[in-house]
């Protein structure tokens, strides 16, 4: 754990303000759920809650099936990090941060399909692989992540079937976050 040197007092209602710099660095937005942990040493730890993170075993299986069906590397993210992947090294991919561009796609509830307009999407920080398809995972009105299919070795444009599979995967995972 890293000390920030910032001290805040609890107000009369039991609230404490998380400084803007920390919220920006940790990508904590207004309305984000935080999980609260305590330990025997008296530490109180706030951690961003990720409903997608709770389903990481399930999303890993889904990523594997989607990879087999499309032969395209698959990444499933929560709102900040990669939680599952297939077709890529897990060691080099899991827990990597998403890029601002993918975050914007999710916030706008839009999708990305690579086409002939030369627009590219690098979805993961530090990973030099372009996305072919990206769909946000929306459940209960909230965006909780994204399903991203990366270009495979031949770099061919995604087919309508691959686009539809990614869309269905995002819809299905969104439905799972509601339950």
N, C-alpha and C. Protein backbone atom coordinates (compact mmCIF):
# COMPACT_ATOMS: atom_id res chain seq x y z
N UNK A 1 0.85 -1.16 0.00
CA UNK A 1 0.00 0.00 0.00
C UNK A 1 0.90 1.24 0.00
N UNK A 2 0.52 2.25 -0.77
CA UNK A 2 1.33 3.44 -0.93
C UNK A 2 0.68 4.62 -0.20
N UNK A 3 1.48 5.30 0.63
CA UNK A 3 0.97 6.48 1.34
C UNK A 3 0.93 7.66 0.38
N UNK A 4 -0.13 8.47 0.48
CA UNK A 4 -0.27 9.64 -0.40
C UNK A 4 0.13 10.92 0.30
N UNK A 5 0.17 10.91 1.62
CA UNK A 5 0.47 12.12 2.37
C UNK A 5 -0.73 13.03 2.53
N UNK A 6 -1.89 12.62 2.02
CA UNK A 6 -3.10 13.41 2.11
C UNK A 6 -3.90 12.95 3.33
N UNK A 7 -4.34 13.90 4.14
CA UNK A 7 -5.13 13.58 5.33
C UNK A 7 -6.49 14.26 5.20
N UNK A 8 -7.54 13.55 5.48
CA UNK A 8 -8.90 14.11 5.45
C UNK A 8 -9.60 13.76 6.77
N UNK A 9 -10.47 14.63 7.22
CA UNK A 9 -11.25 14.39 8.43
C UNK A 9 -12.64 13.88 8.05
N UNK A 10 -13.19 13.07 8.93
CA UNK A 10 -14.55 12.57 8.75
C UNK A 10 -15.50 13.65 9.27
N UNK A 11 -16.56 13.95 8.51
CA UNK A 11 -17.51 14.97 8.96
C UNK A 11 -18.53 14.37 9.93
N UNK A 12 -19.46 15.19 10.39
CA UNK A 12 -20.43 14.74 11.40
C UNK A 12 -21.40 13.68 10.89
N UNK A 13 -21.47 13.49 9.58
CA UNK A 13 -22.32 12.43 9.02
C UNK A 13 -21.53 11.18 8.67
N UNK A 14 -20.22 11.16 9.01
CA UNK A 14 -19.40 9.98 8.76
C UNK A 14 -18.80 9.94 7.37
N UNK A 15 -18.83 11.06 6.65
CA UNK A 15 -18.32 11.09 5.29
C UNK A 15 -16.87 11.55 5.25
N UNK A 16 -16.16 11.08 4.26
CA UNK A 16 -14.80 11.53 4.00
C UNK A 16 -14.69 11.79 2.50
N UNK A 17 -14.00 12.86 2.14
CA UNK A 17 -13.85 13.22 0.73
C UNK A 17 -12.59 12.56 0.18
N UNK A 18 -12.74 11.86 -0.93
CA UNK A 18 -11.58 11.30 -1.62
C UNK A 18 -11.08 12.40 -2.55
N UNK A 19 -9.82 12.82 -2.39
CA UNK A 19 -9.31 13.94 -3.18
C UNK A 19 -9.42 13.72 -4.69
N UNK A 20 -9.63 14.82 -5.40
CA UNK A 20 -9.82 14.78 -6.84
C UNK A 20 -8.66 14.10 -7.56
N UNK A 21 -7.42 14.36 -7.12
CA UNK A 21 -6.26 13.76 -7.77
C UNK A 21 -6.31 12.24 -7.69
N UNK A 22 -6.71 11.72 -6.54
CA UNK A 22 -6.81 10.27 -6.37
C UNK A 22 -7.95 9.72 -7.20
N UNK A 23 -9.11 10.42 -7.19
CA UNK A 23 -10.24 9.97 -8.00
C UNK A 23 -9.86 9.93 -9.47
N UNK A 24 -9.15 10.93 -9.95
CA UNK A 24 -8.75 10.97 -11.36
C UNK A 24 -7.76 9.83 -11.67
N UNK A 25 -6.76 9.66 -10.83
CA UNK A 25 -5.76 8.62 -11.03
C UNK A 25 -6.38 7.23 -11.01
N UNK A 26 -7.29 7.00 -10.09
CA UNK A 26 -7.91 5.68 -9.94
C UNK A 26 -9.17 5.53 -10.78
N UNK A 27 -9.50 6.58 -11.56
CA UNK A 27 -10.68 6.58 -12.42
C UNK A 27 -11.96 6.30 -11.63
N UNK A 28 -12.09 6.97 -10.50
CA UNK A 28 -13.30 6.86 -9.69
C UNK A 28 -14.20 8.02 -10.08
N UNK A 29 -15.40 7.69 -10.56
CA UNK A 29 -16.34 8.70 -11.01
C UNK A 29 -17.49 8.82 -10.01
N UNK A 30 -18.20 9.91 -10.11
CA UNK A 30 -19.38 10.10 -9.26
C UNK A 30 -20.35 8.95 -9.50
N UNK A 31 -20.82 8.36 -8.44
CA UNK A 31 -21.77 7.25 -8.54
C UNK A 31 -21.12 5.88 -8.61
N UNK A 32 -19.78 5.81 -8.75
CA UNK A 32 -19.11 4.50 -8.79
C UNK A 32 -19.26 3.80 -7.45
N UNK A 33 -19.54 2.51 -7.47
CA UNK A 33 -19.60 1.77 -6.20
C UNK A 33 -18.20 1.46 -5.69
N UNK A 34 -18.01 1.61 -4.39
CA UNK A 34 -16.73 1.28 -3.75
C UNK A 34 -16.98 0.19 -2.71
N UNK A 35 -16.10 -0.79 -2.68
CA UNK A 35 -16.15 -1.85 -1.69
C UNK A 35 -15.26 -1.42 -0.53
N UNK A 36 -15.68 -1.68 0.70
CA UNK A 36 -14.92 -1.26 1.87
C UNK A 36 -14.39 -2.50 2.58
N UNK A 37 -13.06 -2.51 2.78
CA UNK A 37 -12.40 -3.60 3.47
C UNK A 37 -11.76 -3.06 4.74
N UNK A 38 -11.65 -3.91 5.75
CA UNK A 38 -10.89 -3.57 6.96
C UNK A 38 -9.94 -4.71 7.24
N UNK A 39 -8.87 -4.41 7.97
CA UNK A 39 -7.99 -5.49 8.39
C UNK A 39 -7.69 -5.37 9.89
N UNK A 40 -6.97 -6.34 10.40
CA UNK A 40 -6.70 -6.42 11.84
C UNK A 40 -5.86 -5.25 12.34
N UNK A 41 -5.12 -4.59 11.45
CA UNK A 41 -4.27 -3.46 11.85
C UNK A 41 -5.04 -2.15 11.92
N UNK A 42 -6.35 -2.20 11.70
CA UNK A 42 -7.17 -0.99 11.77
C UNK A 42 -7.22 -0.21 10.47
N UNK A 43 -6.73 -0.78 9.39
CA UNK A 43 -6.77 -0.09 8.10
C UNK A 43 -8.15 -0.24 7.47
N UNK A 44 -8.59 0.83 6.83
CA UNK A 44 -9.83 0.83 6.06
C UNK A 44 -9.42 1.05 4.62
N UNK A 45 -9.83 0.16 3.74
CA UNK A 45 -9.41 0.21 2.33
C UNK A 45 -10.65 0.31 1.45
N UNK A 46 -10.65 1.30 0.56
CA UNK A 46 -11.71 1.45 -0.43
C UNK A 46 -11.22 0.87 -1.74
N UNK A 47 -12.01 0.05 -2.36
CA UNK A 47 -11.65 -0.54 -3.64
C UNK A 47 -12.84 -0.40 -4.58
N UNK A 48 -12.56 -0.01 -5.82
CA UNK A 48 -13.64 0.08 -6.79
C UNK A 48 -14.29 -1.29 -6.93
N UNK A 49 -15.61 -1.30 -6.86
CA UNK A 49 -16.35 -2.54 -7.02
C UNK A 49 -16.62 -2.78 -8.49
N UNK A 50 -16.35 -3.98 -8.94
CA UNK A 50 -16.58 -4.33 -10.34
C UNK A 50 -17.50 -5.55 -10.42
N UNK A 51 -18.75 -5.35 -10.88
CA UNK A 51 -19.62 -6.53 -11.03
C UNK A 51 -19.04 -7.51 -12.04
N UNK A 52 -18.30 -7.02 -13.02
CA UNK A 52 -17.66 -7.91 -14.00
C UNK A 52 -16.54 -8.71 -13.33
N UNK A 53 -15.82 -8.09 -12.42
CA UNK A 53 -14.76 -8.78 -11.70
C UNK A 53 -15.28 -9.96 -10.91
N UNK A 54 -16.51 -9.84 -10.41
CA UNK A 54 -17.15 -10.93 -9.68
C UNK A 54 -17.42 -12.13 -10.58
N UNK A 55 -17.50 -11.89 -11.87
CA UNK A 55 -17.83 -12.95 -12.84
C UNK A 55 -16.60 -13.39 -13.64
N UNK A 56 -15.38 -13.18 -13.14
CA UNK A 56 -14.18 -13.41 -13.95
C UNK A 56 -14.05 -14.85 -14.43
N UNK A 57 -14.44 -15.82 -13.62
CA UNK A 57 -14.35 -17.22 -14.06
C UNK A 57 -15.32 -17.45 -15.23
N UNK A 58 -16.52 -16.92 -15.09
CA UNK A 58 -17.53 -17.05 -16.14
C UNK A 58 -17.09 -16.33 -17.42
N UNK A 59 -16.56 -15.11 -17.27
CA UNK A 59 -16.14 -14.35 -18.45
C UNK A 59 -14.94 -15.01 -19.13
N UNK A 60 -14.09 -15.68 -18.36
CA UNK A 60 -12.97 -16.42 -18.96
C UNK A 60 -13.47 -17.53 -19.86
N UNK A 61 -14.49 -18.24 -19.41
CA UNK A 61 -15.07 -19.30 -20.23
C UNK A 61 -15.72 -18.72 -21.48
N UNK A 62 -16.40 -17.59 -21.32
CA UNK A 62 -17.06 -16.96 -22.46
C UNK A 62 -16.02 -16.49 -23.47
N UNK A 63 -14.91 -15.92 -22.98
CA UNK A 63 -13.84 -15.46 -23.88
C UNK A 63 -13.25 -16.63 -24.66
N UNK A 64 -13.12 -17.77 -23.99
CA UNK A 64 -12.58 -18.96 -24.67
C UNK A 64 -13.51 -19.43 -25.78
N UNK A 65 -14.79 -19.49 -25.50
CA UNK A 65 -15.77 -19.92 -26.50
C UNK A 65 -15.81 -18.93 -27.67
N UNK A 66 -15.79 -17.65 -27.37
CA UNK A 66 -15.82 -16.63 -28.41
C UNK A 66 -14.55 -16.68 -29.28
N UNK A 67 -13.42 -16.94 -28.67
CA UNK A 67 -12.17 -17.08 -29.42
C UNK A 67 -12.23 -18.28 -30.36
N UNK A 68 -12.75 -19.39 -29.85
CA UNK A 68 -12.87 -20.60 -30.71
C UNK A 68 -13.81 -20.35 -31.88
N UNK A 69 -14.88 -19.61 -31.65
CA UNK A 69 -15.87 -19.37 -32.71
C UNK A 69 -15.37 -18.39 -33.77
N UNK A 70 -14.53 -17.43 -33.36
CA UNK A 70 -14.13 -16.37 -34.30
C UNK A 70 -12.66 -16.45 -34.73
N UNK A 71 -11.84 -17.17 -33.97
CA UNK A 71 -10.39 -17.22 -34.19
C UNK A 71 -9.77 -15.82 -34.09
N UNK A 72 -10.42 -14.95 -33.31
CA UNK A 72 -9.91 -13.61 -33.05
C UNK A 72 -9.63 -13.50 -31.55
N UNK A 73 -8.47 -12.94 -31.15
CA UNK A 73 -8.22 -12.77 -29.72
C UNK A 73 -9.34 -11.95 -29.07
N UNK A 74 -9.73 -12.37 -27.87
CA UNK A 74 -10.87 -11.77 -27.17
C UNK A 74 -10.40 -11.18 -25.84
N UNK A 75 -10.88 -9.98 -25.57
CA UNK A 75 -10.64 -9.31 -24.29
C UNK A 75 -11.99 -8.92 -23.72
N UNK A 76 -12.20 -9.21 -22.44
CA UNK A 76 -13.39 -8.76 -21.74
C UNK A 76 -12.91 -7.87 -20.59
N UNK A 77 -13.46 -6.67 -20.51
CA UNK A 77 -13.00 -5.69 -19.51
C UNK A 77 -14.12 -5.31 -18.56
N UNK A 78 -13.72 -4.77 -17.40
CA UNK A 78 -14.68 -4.02 -16.61
C UNK A 78 -14.50 -2.57 -17.04
N UNK A 79 -14.86 -1.61 -16.25
CA UNK A 79 -14.77 -0.21 -16.69
C UNK A 79 -13.34 0.33 -16.66
N UNK A 80 -12.41 -0.44 -16.11
CA UNK A 80 -11.04 0.05 -15.96
C UNK A 80 -9.96 -0.90 -16.46
N UNK A 81 -10.16 -2.21 -16.30
CA UNK A 81 -9.10 -3.18 -16.55
C UNK A 81 -9.60 -4.38 -17.34
N UNK A 82 -8.66 -5.12 -17.90
CA UNK A 82 -8.97 -6.40 -18.54
C UNK A 82 -9.21 -7.42 -17.44
N UNK A 83 -10.33 -8.13 -17.52
CA UNK A 83 -10.61 -9.16 -16.51
C UNK A 83 -10.50 -10.57 -17.08
N UNK A 84 -10.65 -10.70 -18.41
CA UNK A 84 -10.54 -12.01 -19.05
C UNK A 84 -10.00 -11.82 -20.46
N UNK A 85 -9.30 -12.86 -20.93
CA UNK A 85 -8.85 -12.82 -22.32
C UNK A 85 -8.64 -14.24 -22.82
N UNK A 86 -8.59 -14.38 -24.12
CA UNK A 86 -8.25 -15.65 -24.74
C UNK A 86 -7.64 -15.34 -26.10
N UNK A 87 -6.62 -16.12 -26.46
CA UNK A 87 -5.91 -15.87 -27.71
C UNK A 87 -4.73 -14.95 -27.53
N UNK A 88 -4.49 -14.51 -26.28
CA UNK A 88 -3.36 -13.66 -25.91
C UNK A 88 -2.76 -14.22 -24.63
N UNK A 89 -1.55 -13.78 -24.31
CA UNK A 89 -0.92 -14.18 -23.06
C UNK A 89 -1.67 -13.54 -21.89
N UNK A 90 -2.22 -14.37 -21.02
CA UNK A 90 -2.94 -13.85 -19.85
C UNK A 90 -2.01 -13.02 -18.97
N UNK A 91 -0.76 -13.47 -18.83
CA UNK A 91 0.21 -12.76 -17.98
C UNK A 91 0.43 -11.32 -18.47
N UNK A 92 0.41 -11.14 -19.79
CA UNK A 92 0.66 -9.82 -20.36
C UNK A 92 -0.60 -8.98 -20.53
N UNK A 93 -1.77 -9.56 -20.29
CA UNK A 93 -3.01 -8.88 -20.61
C UNK A 93 -3.92 -8.63 -19.41
N UNK A 94 -4.11 -9.63 -18.57
CA UNK A 94 -5.03 -9.51 -17.43
C UNK A 94 -4.58 -8.37 -16.50
N UNK A 95 -5.52 -7.59 -16.04
CA UNK A 95 -5.34 -6.45 -15.13
C UNK A 95 -4.71 -5.23 -15.78
N UNK A 96 -4.48 -5.25 -17.09
CA UNK A 96 -4.00 -4.04 -17.76
C UNK A 96 -5.14 -3.04 -17.85
N UNK A 97 -4.80 -1.76 -17.80
CA UNK A 97 -5.81 -0.70 -17.89
C UNK A 97 -6.29 -0.54 -19.33
N UNK A 98 -7.54 -0.15 -19.44
CA UNK A 98 -8.08 0.16 -20.77
C UNK A 98 -7.66 1.58 -21.14
N UNK A 99 -7.70 1.88 -22.43
CA UNK A 99 -7.34 3.21 -22.89
C UNK A 99 -8.51 4.17 -22.73
N UNK A 100 -8.20 5.46 -22.77
CA UNK A 100 -9.25 6.48 -22.70
C UNK A 100 -10.22 6.33 -23.87
N UNK A 101 -9.71 5.91 -25.03
CA UNK A 101 -10.57 5.77 -26.21
C UNK A 101 -11.62 4.68 -25.99
N UNK A 102 -11.22 3.54 -25.44
CA UNK A 102 -12.20 2.48 -25.14
C UNK A 102 -13.15 2.94 -24.04
N UNK A 103 -12.63 3.65 -23.07
CA UNK A 103 -13.47 4.18 -21.99
C UNK A 103 -14.54 5.12 -22.56
N UNK A 104 -14.17 5.94 -23.53
CA UNK A 104 -15.12 6.86 -24.17
C UNK A 104 -16.19 6.09 -24.93
N UNK A 105 -15.80 5.03 -25.62
CA UNK A 105 -16.78 4.20 -26.35
C UNK A 105 -17.79 3.63 -25.36
N UNK A 106 -17.30 3.15 -24.22
CA UNK A 106 -18.21 2.59 -23.22
C UNK A 106 -19.12 3.66 -22.64
N UNK A 107 -18.56 4.81 -22.27
CA UNK A 107 -19.36 5.88 -21.68
C UNK A 107 -20.44 6.37 -22.64
N UNK A 108 -20.13 6.41 -23.93
CA UNK A 108 -21.09 6.85 -24.95
C UNK A 108 -22.06 5.74 -25.35
N UNK A 109 -21.82 4.54 -24.81
CA UNK A 109 -22.65 3.37 -25.14
C UNK A 109 -22.69 3.14 -26.65
N UNK A 110 -21.56 3.42 -27.27
CA UNK A 110 -21.46 3.20 -28.72
C UNK A 110 -20.63 1.94 -28.94
N UNK A 111 -20.53 1.53 -30.18
CA UNK A 111 -19.73 0.37 -30.52
C UNK A 111 -18.64 0.79 -31.49
N UNK A 112 -17.68 -0.09 -31.69
CA UNK A 112 -16.61 0.16 -32.65
C UNK A 112 -16.47 -1.07 -33.52
N UNK A 113 -16.49 -0.85 -34.83
CA UNK A 113 -16.21 -1.91 -35.79
C UNK A 113 -15.21 -1.32 -36.78
N UNK A 114 -14.05 -1.96 -36.88
CA UNK A 114 -13.01 -1.48 -37.78
C UNK A 114 -13.52 -1.56 -39.22
N UNK A 115 -13.26 -0.53 -39.95
CA UNK A 115 -13.74 -0.49 -41.33
C UNK A 115 -12.69 0.09 -42.25
N UNK A 116 -13.16 0.68 -43.29
CA UNK A 116 -12.26 1.22 -44.30
C UNK A 116 -11.88 2.67 -44.03
N UNK A 117 -12.38 3.26 -42.95
CA UNK A 117 -12.10 4.68 -42.68
C UNK A 117 -10.74 4.92 -42.03
N UNK A 118 -9.94 3.89 -41.87
CA UNK A 118 -8.58 3.97 -41.31
C UNK A 118 -8.55 4.34 -39.83
N UNK A 119 -9.71 4.50 -39.19
CA UNK A 119 -9.75 4.77 -37.76
C UNK A 119 -9.38 3.49 -37.03
N UNK A 120 -8.46 3.59 -36.06
CA UNK A 120 -8.06 2.41 -35.30
C UNK A 120 -8.39 2.62 -33.83
N UNK A 121 -8.41 1.52 -33.10
CA UNK A 121 -8.67 1.55 -31.67
C UNK A 121 -7.68 0.63 -30.99
N UNK A 122 -6.80 1.22 -30.18
CA UNK A 122 -5.93 0.44 -29.30
C UNK A 122 -6.66 0.39 -27.96
N UNK A 123 -7.24 -0.76 -27.59
CA UNK A 123 -8.11 -0.79 -26.41
C UNK A 123 -7.39 -0.89 -25.07
N UNK A 124 -6.16 -1.41 -25.07
CA UNK A 124 -5.48 -1.69 -23.81
C UNK A 124 -4.16 -0.94 -23.75
N UNK A 125 -3.91 -0.26 -22.65
CA UNK A 125 -2.65 0.46 -22.48
C UNK A 125 -1.48 -0.53 -22.49
N UNK A 126 -0.46 -0.20 -23.26
CA UNK A 126 0.74 -1.03 -23.31
C UNK A 126 0.62 -2.26 -24.17
N UNK A 127 -0.49 -2.44 -24.86
CA UNK A 127 -0.67 -3.60 -25.74
C UNK A 127 -0.87 -3.08 -27.16
N UNK A 128 0.06 -3.38 -28.03
CA UNK A 128 0.04 -2.84 -29.39
C UNK A 128 -0.76 -3.76 -30.33
N UNK A 129 -2.02 -3.94 -30.00
CA UNK A 129 -2.94 -4.74 -30.84
C UNK A 129 -4.21 -3.94 -31.06
N UNK A 130 -4.60 -3.80 -32.30
CA UNK A 130 -5.80 -3.03 -32.64
C UNK A 130 -7.06 -3.87 -32.48
N UNK A 131 -8.11 -3.20 -32.07
CA UNK A 131 -9.42 -3.84 -31.95
C UNK A 131 -10.08 -3.90 -33.32
N UNK A 132 -10.74 -5.00 -33.58
CA UNK A 132 -11.56 -5.13 -34.77
C UNK A 132 -13.00 -4.77 -34.42
N UNK A 133 -13.41 -5.16 -33.20
CA UNK A 133 -14.79 -4.97 -32.75
C UNK A 133 -14.76 -4.65 -31.25
N UNK A 134 -15.60 -3.72 -30.81
CA UNK A 134 -15.75 -3.44 -29.37
C UNK A 134 -17.20 -3.07 -29.10
N UNK A 135 -17.79 -3.75 -28.14
CA UNK A 135 -19.16 -3.46 -27.71
C UNK A 135 -19.19 -3.28 -26.21
N UNK A 136 -19.88 -2.24 -25.73
CA UNK A 136 -20.00 -2.06 -24.27
C UNK A 136 -20.94 -3.10 -23.67
N UNK A 137 -20.65 -3.47 -22.44
CA UNK A 137 -21.52 -4.38 -21.68
C UNK A 137 -22.41 -3.50 -20.82
N UNK A 138 -23.71 -3.54 -21.10
CA UNK A 138 -24.67 -2.69 -20.38
C UNK A 138 -25.69 -3.60 -19.71
N UNK A 139 -25.83 -3.44 -18.39
CA UNK A 139 -26.80 -4.21 -17.64
C UNK A 139 -27.48 -3.35 -16.61
N UNK A 140 -28.77 -3.40 -16.55
CA UNK A 140 -29.51 -2.60 -15.59
C UNK A 140 -29.31 -1.11 -15.79
N UNK A 141 -29.06 -0.71 -17.02
CA UNK A 141 -28.86 0.69 -17.35
C UNK A 141 -27.45 1.20 -17.10
N UNK A 142 -26.58 0.37 -16.53
CA UNK A 142 -25.21 0.79 -16.23
C UNK A 142 -24.21 0.08 -17.14
N UNK A 143 -23.20 0.81 -17.56
CA UNK A 143 -22.11 0.22 -18.32
C UNK A 143 -21.16 -0.44 -17.33
N UNK A 144 -20.85 -1.71 -17.55
CA UNK A 144 -19.96 -2.40 -16.62
C UNK A 144 -18.69 -2.92 -17.27
N UNK A 145 -18.55 -2.75 -18.59
CA UNK A 145 -17.34 -3.22 -19.26
C UNK A 145 -17.50 -3.25 -20.76
N UNK A 146 -16.65 -4.06 -21.40
CA UNK A 146 -16.71 -4.17 -22.86
C UNK A 146 -16.22 -5.54 -23.30
N UNK A 147 -16.75 -5.96 -24.44
CA UNK A 147 -16.25 -7.15 -25.14
C UNK A 147 -15.49 -6.63 -26.35
N UNK A 148 -14.23 -7.03 -26.45
CA UNK A 148 -13.36 -6.54 -27.53
C UNK A 148 -12.76 -7.74 -28.26
N UNK A 149 -12.91 -7.74 -29.58
CA UNK A 149 -12.24 -8.73 -30.42
C UNK A 149 -11.14 -8.01 -31.17
N UNK A 150 -9.93 -8.56 -31.08
CA UNK A 150 -8.78 -7.96 -31.74
C UNK A 150 -8.57 -8.59 -33.10
N UNK A 151 -7.87 -7.89 -33.97
CA UNK A 151 -7.54 -8.46 -35.27
C UNK A 151 -6.67 -9.70 -35.06
N UNK A 152 -6.92 -10.74 -35.88
CA UNK A 152 -6.05 -11.90 -35.84
C UNK A 152 -4.86 -11.67 -36.78
N UNK A 153 -4.04 -12.69 -36.98
CA UNK A 153 -2.81 -12.53 -37.75
C UNK A 153 -3.04 -12.05 -39.18
N UNK A 154 -4.11 -12.51 -39.83
CA UNK A 154 -4.32 -12.11 -41.23
C UNK A 154 -4.89 -10.70 -41.36
N UNK A 155 -5.38 -10.14 -40.27
CA UNK A 155 -5.83 -8.75 -40.26
C UNK A 155 -7.03 -8.44 -41.12
N UNK A 156 -7.80 -9.45 -41.47
CA UNK A 156 -8.96 -9.22 -42.32
C UNK A 156 -10.08 -8.53 -41.54
N UNK A 157 -10.89 -7.79 -42.27
CA UNK A 157 -12.00 -7.06 -41.66
C UNK A 157 -12.97 -8.05 -41.02
N UNK A 158 -13.59 -7.65 -39.92
CA UNK A 158 -14.53 -8.56 -39.26
C UNK A 158 -15.77 -8.82 -40.13
N UNK A 159 -16.25 -10.05 -40.05
CA UNK A 159 -17.45 -10.43 -40.80
C UNK A 159 -18.70 -10.03 -40.01
N UNK A 160 -19.84 -10.06 -40.67
CA UNK A 160 -21.10 -9.77 -39.99
C UNK A 160 -21.36 -10.76 -38.86
N UNK A 161 -20.97 -12.02 -39.05
CA UNK A 161 -21.16 -13.03 -38.01
C UNK A 161 -20.32 -12.71 -36.78
N UNK A 162 -19.07 -12.29 -36.98
CA UNK A 162 -18.20 -11.95 -35.86
C UNK A 162 -18.72 -10.72 -35.12
N UNK A 163 -19.20 -9.75 -35.87
CA UNK A 163 -19.78 -8.55 -35.26
C UNK A 163 -20.98 -8.93 -34.41
N UNK A 164 -21.85 -9.77 -34.96
CA UNK A 164 -23.05 -10.19 -34.24
C UNK A 164 -22.69 -11.00 -32.99
N UNK A 165 -21.67 -11.87 -33.09
CA UNK A 165 -21.25 -12.65 -31.92
C UNK A 165 -20.76 -11.74 -30.80
N UNK A 166 -19.99 -10.71 -31.12
CA UNK A 166 -19.50 -9.78 -30.11
C UNK A 166 -20.67 -9.02 -29.47
N UNK A 167 -21.62 -8.61 -30.30
CA UNK A 167 -22.79 -7.88 -29.82
C UNK A 167 -23.61 -8.76 -28.87
N UNK A 168 -23.82 -10.02 -29.26
CA UNK A 168 -24.58 -10.95 -28.42
C UNK A 168 -23.84 -11.22 -27.11
N UNK A 169 -22.51 -11.36 -27.19
CA UNK A 169 -21.71 -11.59 -25.98
C UNK A 169 -21.87 -10.43 -25.01
N UNK A 170 -21.78 -9.20 -25.51
CA UNK A 170 -21.93 -8.02 -24.65
C UNK A 170 -23.33 -7.96 -24.03
N UNK A 171 -24.34 -8.26 -24.83
CA UNK A 171 -25.72 -8.25 -24.32
C UNK A 171 -25.93 -9.33 -23.26
N UNK A 172 -25.40 -10.51 -23.52
CA UNK A 172 -25.54 -11.62 -22.58
C UNK A 172 -24.84 -11.31 -21.26
N UNK A 173 -23.60 -10.81 -21.32
CA UNK A 173 -22.87 -10.48 -20.10
C UNK A 173 -23.56 -9.34 -19.34
N UNK A 174 -24.14 -8.40 -20.08
CA UNK A 174 -24.90 -7.33 -19.43
C UNK A 174 -26.07 -7.88 -18.66
N UNK A 175 -26.74 -8.84 -19.26
CA UNK A 175 -27.88 -9.48 -18.59
C UNK A 175 -27.43 -10.21 -17.31
N UNK A 176 -26.24 -10.82 -17.37
CA UNK A 176 -25.72 -11.54 -16.21
C UNK A 176 -25.40 -10.59 -15.04
N UNK A 177 -25.01 -9.36 -15.35
CA UNK A 177 -24.71 -8.41 -14.27
C UNK A 177 -25.96 -7.93 -13.55
N UNK A 178 -27.11 -8.10 -14.20
CA UNK A 178 -28.37 -7.70 -13.57
C UNK A 178 -28.82 -8.67 -12.50
N UNK A 179 -28.34 -9.90 -12.58
CA UNK A 179 -28.83 -10.95 -11.66
C UNK A 179 -27.98 -11.07 -10.42
